Amino acid sequence: MLTVEFNGLRLLKRLSAAVYRKRNVGSAAEHMGQSKVLADDGHHMWVGEGGSGSGMPHTPVMVREVLDCLDPQPGQVYVDMTFGAGGHTKAILAAQPDTVVYAIDRDPAAHNMAQNIAKQYGKSIRPVLGRFSELLYLLSSQNVQENTVDGFLFDVGASSMQFDQGGRGFSLSQDGPLDMRMDGERFGNKQPTAADVVNSLGEDDLYGIIKTYGEEKHARKISSAIVDARNKIPITTTKQLAGVVASALAPPGVFFAHDKLNRAVHPATKTFQALRIFVNDELNELYQGLQAARYFLKPGGRAIVITFHSLEDRVAKRYFQGVNMRQHGRMNIQQRKREGDLLKEEGLPEVEMHGPRKEWTVLTGKVMRPHWAEVMENPRARSAKLRAAIKN
């Protein structure tokens, strides 16, 4: 259990304000000096970061399962909350051309892509730029009314495009500035980067972020190593941070974890995940998006959530089940302790983490996972979990 009280959203707000002030005279990382690579792990394509590899096609995951759950019919309206490269939206329109899809993404690059793709589909694709938490405003501004949407799709986490572009700062495979903002420069100085996080926060706060959002058992060792490294020179690139974490956990060149396909996983994978979730406030964004989606869904409308790690899956599962995130329900002692520790640390108290019972009928009694053949063809799918529910 954490030895410090950890609330991610409040910490992010505090850091955002501090970074905004600092950037009046330079970025929170750059004002400390010039960057330098501390360690080099070679030119591996590390798994665990979700990317498909530079230059590879961006393949949407679990398309068959998504279409089975949505069951698109003529004249229906859908919202793709994470348009990305448009794979799921294109699949919906291929299955049923007589539909309309609102293509939402918080990433300006994905929004630009949606605008270009929309030209090929007439009015069937309607691009919208914004976050999950902005959904009420975004759809209302498009004249979408309450109880009028037939289906929502959330494919959460970073997209393959974001991982494949080294300059975005998500990738372990390519060196680049330690950014990780899904919104890019949309909010300018008001949103901290991952470099701001690792160079500005104290060791206990870094430990809380890595432990909570990365579920990293070596969080204390990693946070200590980050503080020691930044005291010598600021950490401003992905390669620097990956090297610091690797050096803290294993001798050079030794990477001791493997994924489900028995491929080497970089020891910094969970740390990168934790920073990305924190910088983008992903858990609170998902919950607020689910709440807003219910407002717009018709009775009988469907919501689908694809996640890639346990924290986001837990938010979707509990929301659809109508479980209060502050109550443990039917769990054994070990489960209650584990859930209690995580939920206390996640920073979710800022929103009311429950939906009244009987508001949803769960379509997927058990979580759905991709077929092994899809995983072999598209390794990014290996960690995917799909949950779906119908609005009552």
Protein backbone atom coordinates (compact mmCIF):
# COMPACT_ATOMS: atom_id res chain seq x y z
CA MET A 1 0.00 0.00 0.00
CA LEU A 2 1.24 3.49 -0.74
CA THR A 3 2.84 5.38 2.10
CA VAL A 4 1.66 8.72 0.69
CA GLU A 5 -1.81 9.98 -0.12
CA PHE A 6 -1.98 9.97 -3.93
CA ASN A 7 -4.56 11.79 -6.00
CA GLY A 8 -3.57 11.91 -9.66
CA LEU A 9 -6.07 14.50 -10.90
CA ARG A 10 -5.26 17.06 -8.22
CA LEU A 11 -1.55 16.50 -8.77
CA LEU A 12 -1.98 16.98 -12.53
CA LYS A 13 -3.88 20.24 -12.01
CA ARG A 14 -1.19 21.53 -9.65
CA LEU A 15 1.57 20.61 -12.08
CA SER A 16 -0.30 22.20 -15.00
CA ALA A 17 -0.45 25.52 -13.18
CA ALA A 18 3.23 25.35 -12.24
CA VAL A 19 4.32 24.46 -15.77
CA TYR A 20 2.25 27.27 -17.25
CA ARG A 21 4.09 29.75 -15.03
CA LYS A 22 7.51 28.27 -15.81
CA ARG A 23 6.98 28.34 -19.56
CA ASN A 24 6.76 32.09 -19.55
CA VAL A 25 10.55 31.90 -19.37
CA GLY A 26 11.09 28.50 -21.02
CA SER A 27 9.84 24.94 -20.73
CA ALA A 28 10.04 23.16 -17.41
CA ALA A 29 12.61 20.81 -18.84
CA GLU A 30 14.63 23.07 -21.13
CA HIS A 31 15.26 25.82 -18.58
CA MET A 32 17.41 23.37 -16.62
CA GLY A 33 19.91 22.82 -19.43
CA GLN A 34 20.54 20.91 -22.64
CA SER A 35 19.59 17.26 -23.00
CA LYS A 36 21.97 14.36 -23.18
CA VAL A 37 21.38 10.66 -23.71
CA LEU A 38 22.28 8.77 -20.53
CA ALA A 39 21.89 5.27 -21.87
CA ASP A 40 21.38 3.60 -25.23
CA ASP A 41 19.43 0.35 -25.50
CA GLY A 42 20.04 -0.08 -29.20
CA HIS A 43 17.50 -0.06 -32.01
CA HIS A 44 15.00 -2.66 -30.82
CA MET A 45 11.29 -2.49 -31.58
CA TRP A 46 10.12 -3.04 -28.03
CA VAL A 47 6.74 -4.65 -27.52
CA GLY A 48 4.38 -3.47 -24.85
CA GLU A 49 4.13 0.05 -26.23
CA GLY A 50 1.27 -0.76 -28.57
CA GLY A 51 2.74 0.48 -31.83
CA SER A 52 2.64 -1.55 -34.98
CA GLY A 53 6.04 -0.39 -36.13
CA SER A 54 6.95 2.58 -38.28
CA GLY A 55 5.58 2.29 -41.78
CA MET A 56 3.25 -0.60 -40.93
CA PRO A 57 -0.48 -0.38 -41.62
CA HIS A 58 -2.63 0.76 -38.72
CA THR A 59 -4.97 -2.18 -38.19
CA PRO A 60 -8.00 -1.71 -35.93
CA VAL A 61 -8.43 -4.38 -33.26
CA MET A 62 -11.37 -6.75 -32.77
CA VAL A 63 -13.33 -5.38 -35.74
CA ARG A 64 -15.52 -8.48 -36.06
CA GLU A 65 -16.45 -8.34 -32.39
CA VAL A 66 -17.19 -4.60 -32.59
CA LEU A 67 -19.55 -5.09 -35.53
CA ASP A 68 -21.25 -8.04 -33.85
CA CYS A 69 -21.90 -5.95 -30.75
CA LEU A 70 -23.03 -2.82 -32.60
CA ASP A 71 -25.10 -4.68 -35.21
CA PRO A 72 -25.33 -1.57 -37.45
CA GLN A 73 -28.65 -1.00 -39.22
CA PRO A 74 -29.70 1.46 -41.96
CA GLY A 75 -30.24 5.03 -40.82
CA GLN A 76 -28.46 4.64 -37.51
CA VAL A 77 -26.05 7.11 -35.88
CA TYR A 78 -22.76 6.14 -34.24
CA VAL A 79 -19.97 7.93 -32.42
CA ASP A 80 -16.39 6.70 -32.75
CA MET A 81 -14.79 8.32 -29.71
CA THR A 82 -11.24 7.43 -30.80
CA PHE A 83 -11.10 7.84 -34.56
CA GLY A 84 -7.32 7.41 -34.91
CA ALA A 85 -6.66 6.27 -38.46
CA GLY A 86 -10.35 5.51 -38.99
CA GLY A 87 -10.24 1.73 -39.08
CA HIS A 88 -13.32 1.09 -36.97
CA THR A 89 -15.32 3.87 -38.61
CA LYS A 90 -14.54 2.51 -42.06
CA ALA A 91 -15.57 -0.98 -40.93
CA ILE A 92 -18.93 0.31 -39.66
CA LEU A 93 -19.61 2.10 -42.93
CA ALA A 94 -18.50 -0.93 -44.96
CA ALA A 95 -20.93 -3.10 -43.01
CA GLN A 96 -23.76 -0.57 -43.31
CA PRO A 97 -23.16 2.40 -45.67
CA ASP A 98 -26.48 4.03 -44.75
CA THR A 99 -25.22 5.25 -41.36
CA VAL A 100 -23.63 8.37 -39.91
CA VAL A 101 -20.49 8.27 -37.77
CA TYR A 102 -19.28 11.19 -35.69
CA ALA A 103 -15.50 10.77 -35.74
CA ILE A 104 -14.12 12.20 -32.50
CA ASP A 105 -10.47 12.36 -31.48
CA ARG A 106 -8.53 14.58 -29.09
CA ASP A 107 -5.42 14.38 -31.28
CA PRO A 108 -5.27 17.18 -33.89
CA ALA A 109 -3.31 14.88 -36.24
CA ALA A 110 -6.07 12.26 -36.11
CA HIS A 111 -8.68 14.99 -36.59
CA ASN A 112 -6.90 16.19 -39.72
CA MET A 113 -6.88 12.62 -41.00
CA ALA A 114 -10.60 12.31 -40.26
CA GLN A 115 -11.27 15.47 -42.25
CA ASN A 116 -9.38 14.07 -45.25
CA ILE A 117 -11.06 10.65 -45.05
CA ALA A 118 -14.48 12.26 -44.64
CA LYS A 119 -14.16 13.77 -48.11
CA GLN A 120 -14.46 10.24 -49.51
CA TYR A 121 -17.65 9.47 -47.56
CA GLY A 122 -19.76 12.57 -48.04
CA LYS A 123 -21.79 13.31 -44.91
CA SER A 124 -21.39 9.81 -43.48
CA ILE A 125 -18.27 10.81 -41.50
CA ARG A 126 -18.44 13.97 -39.41
CA PRO A 127 -15.06 14.82 -37.83
CA VAL A 128 -15.01 16.40 -34.36
CA LEU A 129 -11.94 17.47 -32.36
CA GLY A 130 -12.10 17.02 -28.60
CA ARG A 131 -11.70 14.95 -25.45
CA PHE A 132 -14.08 12.44 -23.87
CA SER A 133 -14.78 14.94 -21.09
CA GLU A 134 -15.91 17.51 -23.69
CA LEU A 135 -18.47 15.19 -25.26
CA LEU A 136 -21.61 16.98 -24.04
CA TYR A 137 -20.46 20.20 -25.67
CA LEU A 138 -19.00 18.54 -28.77
CA LEU A 139 -22.13 16.65 -29.80
CA SER A 140 -24.52 19.38 -28.70
CA SER A 141 -22.64 21.77 -30.99
CA GLN A 142 -23.31 19.28 -33.81
CA ASN A 143 -27.05 19.44 -32.98
CA VAL A 144 -27.06 15.90 -31.62
CA GLN A 145 -29.86 15.56 -29.07
CA GLU A 146 -30.31 13.43 -25.97
CA ASN A 147 -31.38 9.82 -26.63
CA THR A 148 -30.63 9.95 -30.38
CA VAL A 149 -27.40 7.94 -30.84
CA ASP A 150 -27.46 4.21 -31.59
CA GLY A 151 -23.92 3.29 -30.56
CA PHE A 152 -20.66 4.51 -29.05
CA LEU A 153 -17.21 2.98 -29.50
CA PHE A 154 -14.25 3.73 -27.21
CA ASP A 155 -10.88 2.25 -28.26
CA VAL A 156 -8.88 3.72 -25.41
CA GLY A 157 -5.17 4.31 -24.89
CA ALA A 158 -2.59 5.64 -27.32
CA SER A 159 -3.04 4.89 -31.00
CA SER A 160 -0.58 3.10 -33.26
CA MET A 161 0.02 6.39 -35.07
CA GLN A 162 1.07 8.05 -31.82
CA PHE A 163 3.46 5.22 -30.98
CA ASP A 164 4.90 5.20 -34.48
CA GLN A 165 5.81 8.90 -34.45
CA GLY A 166 8.94 9.35 -32.38
CA GLY A 167 8.34 13.07 -32.07
CA ARG A 168 5.19 12.47 -30.01
CA GLY A 169 7.18 10.96 -27.15
CA PHE A 170 5.14 7.77 -26.63
CA SER A 171 7.55 5.27 -28.15
CA LEU A 172 10.32 3.18 -26.63
CA SER A 173 11.48 2.30 -30.12
CA GLN A 174 12.27 5.77 -31.43
CA ASP A 175 14.07 8.58 -29.67
CA GLY A 176 12.20 11.84 -29.41
CA PRO A 177 11.14 14.59 -27.01
CA LEU A 178 9.49 13.25 -23.86
CA ASP A 179 6.05 14.67 -24.60
CA MET A 180 3.16 12.11 -24.49
CA ARG A 181 0.36 14.68 -24.83
CA MET A 182 -2.43 13.15 -26.90
CA ASP A 183 -3.74 16.67 -27.53
CA GLY A 184 -0.42 17.73 -29.06
CA GLU A 185 -0.03 21.50 -28.90
CA ARG A 186 -3.77 22.08 -28.72
CA PHE A 187 -3.60 23.52 -25.20
CA GLY A 188 -0.12 24.99 -25.52
CA ASN A 189 1.58 25.82 -22.23
CA LYS A 190 -1.42 24.85 -20.15
CA GLN A 191 -0.79 21.08 -20.38
CA PRO A 192 2.38 19.53 -18.90
CA THR A 193 4.45 17.06 -20.88
CA ALA A 194 5.96 13.83 -19.55
CA ALA A 195 9.28 15.70 -19.35
CA ASP A 196 7.65 18.24 -17.04
CA VAL A 197 6.43 15.39 -14.85
CA VAL A 198 9.76 13.59 -14.46
CA ASN A 199 11.76 16.79 -14.00
CA SER A 200 9.40 18.68 -11.70
CA LEU A 201 7.65 16.30 -9.29
CA GLY A 202 9.10 14.93 -6.09
CA GLU A 203 10.16 11.32 -5.66
CA ASP A 204 7.04 10.35 -3.69
CA ASP A 205 4.75 11.78 -6.36
CA LEU A 206 6.67 9.99 -9.11
CA TYR A 207 6.45 6.79 -7.10
CA GLY A 208 2.69 7.23 -6.77
CA ILE A 209 2.23 7.77 -10.49
CA ILE A 210 4.38 4.80 -11.54
CA LYS A 211 2.96 2.47 -8.89
CA THR A 212 -0.67 3.42 -9.51
CA TYR A 213 -0.91 3.88 -13.26
CA GLY A 214 1.87 1.49 -14.27
CA GLU A 215 1.18 -1.14 -11.59
CA GLU A 216 4.98 -1.34 -11.43
CA LYS A 217 6.37 -3.32 -8.49
CA HIS A 218 9.75 -1.58 -8.85
CA ALA A 219 8.20 1.90 -8.67
CA ARG A 220 10.28 3.04 -5.70
CA LYS A 221 13.55 2.04 -7.32
CA ILE A 222 12.56 3.70 -10.60
CA SER A 223 11.40 6.97 -9.04
CA SER A 224 14.62 7.19 -7.05
CA ALA A 225 16.68 6.57 -10.19
CA ILE A 226 14.78 9.28 -12.07
CA VAL A 227 15.46 11.84 -9.36
CA ASP A 228 19.15 10.91 -9.22
CA ALA A 229 19.48 11.16 -13.01
CA ARG A 230 17.69 14.48 -13.38
CA ASN A 231 19.87 16.01 -10.66
CA LYS A 232 22.79 15.49 -13.03
CA ILE A 233 21.05 16.52 -16.21
CA PRO A 234 17.35 16.97 -17.09
CA ILE A 235 15.53 14.06 -18.70
CA THR A 236 14.04 15.38 -21.92
CA THR A 237 13.97 12.46 -24.38
CA THR A 238 12.34 9.06 -24.51
CA LYS A 239 15.69 7.33 -24.89
CA GLN A 240 17.03 9.04 -21.79
CA LEU A 241 14.11 7.95 -19.65
CA ALA A 242 14.14 4.41 -21.03
CA GLY A 243 17.84 4.20 -20.27
CA VAL A 244 17.41 5.47 -16.72
CA VAL A 245 14.72 2.91 -15.97
CA ALA A 246 16.60 0.06 -17.62
CA SER A 247 19.78 0.90 -15.71
CA ALA A 248 17.85 0.90 -12.45
CA LEU A 249 16.34 -2.53 -13.00
CA ALA A 250 18.88 -4.61 -14.91
CA PRO A 251 22.45 -4.68 -16.18
CA PRO A 252 22.92 -3.14 -19.66
CA GLY A 253 21.43 -5.32 -22.39
CA VAL A 254 19.45 -7.56 -20.01
CA PHE A 255 15.69 -7.31 -20.44
CA PHE A 256 14.09 -9.99 -18.32
CA ALA A 257 10.37 -9.76 -19.13
CA HIS A 258 8.54 -11.30 -22.08
CA ASP A 259 5.04 -10.81 -23.47
CA LYS A 260 2.41 -13.41 -24.35
CA LEU A 261 4.18 -14.03 -27.66
CA ASN A 262 7.50 -14.60 -25.81
CA ARG A 263 9.04 -11.38 -27.12
CA ALA A 264 11.29 -9.15 -25.03
CA VAL A 265 9.51 -6.33 -23.18
CA HIS A 266 11.49 -3.24 -22.27
CA PRO A 267 11.64 -2.70 -18.48
CA ALA A 268 10.49 0.90 -18.96
CA THR A 269 7.18 -0.15 -20.56
CA LYS A 270 5.10 0.24 -17.38
CA THR A 271 6.77 3.54 -16.51
CA PHE A 272 5.92 4.94 -19.95
CA GLN A 273 2.35 3.69 -19.57
CA ALA A 274 2.03 5.34 -16.17
CA LEU A 275 3.30 8.72 -17.40
CA ARG A 276 1.03 8.62 -20.45
CA ILE A 277 -2.06 7.85 -18.36
CA PHE A 278 -1.18 10.60 -15.88
CA VAL A 279 -0.35 13.29 -18.46
CA ASN A 280 -3.60 12.66 -20.36
CA ASP A 281 -5.80 11.99 -17.29
CA GLU A 282 -7.03 8.90 -19.09
CA LEU A 283 -9.04 7.22 -16.32
CA ASN A 284 -11.13 10.27 -15.49
CA GLU A 285 -11.54 11.00 -19.19
CA LEU A 286 -12.91 7.50 -19.81
CA TYR A 287 -15.42 7.68 -16.98
CA GLN A 288 -16.68 11.13 -17.98
CA GLY A 289 -16.95 9.94 -21.59
CA LEU A 290 -19.06 6.94 -20.54
CA GLN A 291 -21.36 9.18 -18.53
CA ALA A 292 -21.88 11.54 -21.45
CA ALA A 293 -22.34 8.65 -23.88
CA ARG A 294 -25.26 7.38 -21.83
CA TYR A 295 -26.92 10.79 -22.09
CA PHE A 296 -26.87 10.66 -25.90
CA LEU A 297 -27.65 6.96 -26.35
CA LYS A 298 -31.15 5.85 -27.21
CA PRO A 299 -32.75 3.29 -24.93
CA GLY A 300 -31.44 0.09 -26.48
CA GLY A 301 -28.35 1.90 -27.76
CA ARG A 302 -24.99 0.20 -27.32
CA ALA A 303 -21.67 1.24 -25.84
CA ILE A 304 -18.46 -0.66 -26.55
CA VAL A 305 -15.16 -0.14 -24.76
CA ILE A 306 -11.85 -1.67 -25.90
CA THR A 307 -9.06 -1.35 -23.35
CA PHE A 308 -5.44 -2.48 -23.21
CA HIS A 309 -4.68 -2.65 -19.50
CA SER A 310 -6.44 -3.49 -16.26
CA LEU A 311 -7.08 0.00 -14.88
CA GLU A 312 -9.16 1.20 -17.82
CA ASP A 313 -10.89 -2.17 -18.09
CA ARG A 314 -11.86 -1.89 -14.42
CA VAL A 315 -13.45 1.52 -14.99
CA ALA A 316 -15.56 0.20 -17.90
CA LYS A 317 -16.52 -3.02 -16.13
CA ARG A 318 -17.66 -1.32 -12.95
CA TYR A 319 -19.52 1.44 -14.71
CA PHE A 320 -21.52 -1.00 -16.84
CA GLN A 321 -22.24 -3.15 -13.79
CA GLY A 322 -23.40 -0.14 -11.79
CA VAL A 323 -20.80 -0.79 -9.11
CA ASN A 324 -19.77 2.06 -6.84
CA MET A 325 -16.00 2.38 -7.24
CA ARG A 326 -15.74 3.01 -3.50
CA GLN A 327 -17.44 -0.26 -2.53
CA HIS A 328 -15.77 -3.64 -2.66
CA GLY A 329 -18.79 -5.90 -3.14
CA ARG A 330 -18.21 -9.65 -3.15
CA MET A 331 -14.45 -10.04 -2.94
CA ASN A 332 -12.13 -12.15 -0.89
CA ILE A 333 -9.65 -10.54 1.50
CA GLN A 334 -6.79 -10.41 -1.01
CA GLN A 335 -9.01 -8.89 -3.72
CA ARG A 336 -10.40 -6.26 -1.36
CA LYS A 337 -6.93 -5.17 -0.32
CA ARG A 338 -5.64 -4.99 -3.90
CA GLU A 339 -8.71 -3.14 -5.20
CA GLY A 340 -8.78 -0.81 -2.22
CA ASP A 341 -5.13 0.13 -2.61
CA LEU A 342 -5.51 0.85 -6.33
CA LEU A 343 -8.77 2.75 -6.09
CA LYS A 344 -7.47 4.91 -3.26
CA GLU A 345 -4.46 5.77 -5.37
CA GLU A 346 -6.03 6.24 -8.81
CA GLY A 347 -7.19 9.82 -8.31
CA LEU A 348 -10.78 8.90 -9.24
CA PRO A 349 -12.58 10.61 -6.31
CA GLU A 350 -12.82 13.75 -8.43
CA VAL A 351 -15.76 12.11 -10.19
CA GLU A 352 -18.52 9.96 -8.74
CA MET A 353 -17.47 6.50 -9.83
CA HIS A 354 -20.79 4.69 -10.08
CA GLY A 355 -23.76 4.32 -12.32
CA PRO A 356 -27.15 3.39 -10.84
CA ARG A 357 -27.97 -0.29 -11.16
CA LYS A 358 -30.13 -1.49 -14.04
CA GLU A 359 -29.09 1.44 -16.22
CA TRP A 360 -27.17 -1.02 -18.42
CA THR A 361 -27.61 -4.59 -19.60
CA VAL A 362 -24.16 -6.09 -20.06
CA LEU A 363 -23.76 -7.78 -23.43
CA THR A 364 -20.46 -9.45 -22.60
CA GLY A 365 -20.84 -11.45 -19.38
CA LYS A 366 -17.14 -12.15 -19.54
CA VAL A 367 -14.63 -9.84 -21.11
CA MET A 368 -14.06 -10.54 -24.80
CA ARG A 369 -10.55 -11.05 -26.11
CA PRO A 370 -9.20 -11.21 -29.67
CA HIS A 371 -8.86 -14.53 -31.45
CA TRP A 372 -5.32 -15.91 -31.44
CA ALA A 373 -5.15 -15.57 -35.24
CA GLU A 374 -5.72 -11.81 -34.94
CA VAL A 375 -2.99 -11.54 -32.32
CA MET A 376 -0.53 -13.31 -34.59
CA GLU A 377 -1.41 -10.98 -37.48
CA ASN A 378 -1.66 -7.81 -35.37
CA PRO A 379 0.43 -8.07 -32.16
CA ARG A 380 -1.06 -4.81 -30.83
CA ALA A 381 -4.28 -6.78 -30.23
CA ARG A 382 -2.65 -9.14 -27.73
CA SER A 383 -3.71 -7.11 -24.68
CA ALA A 384 -7.10 -5.96 -25.96
CA LYS A 385 -10.22 -6.48 -23.88
CA LEU A 386 -13.72 -5.65 -25.09
CA ARG A 387 -16.79 -4.91 -22.98
CA ALA A 388 -20.20 -3.93 -24.31
CA ALA A 389 -23.53 -2.94 -22.77
CA ILE A 390 -27.03 -1.84 -23.80
CA LYS A 391 -28.66 1.25 -22.31
CA ASN A 392 -31.89 0.33 -20.51
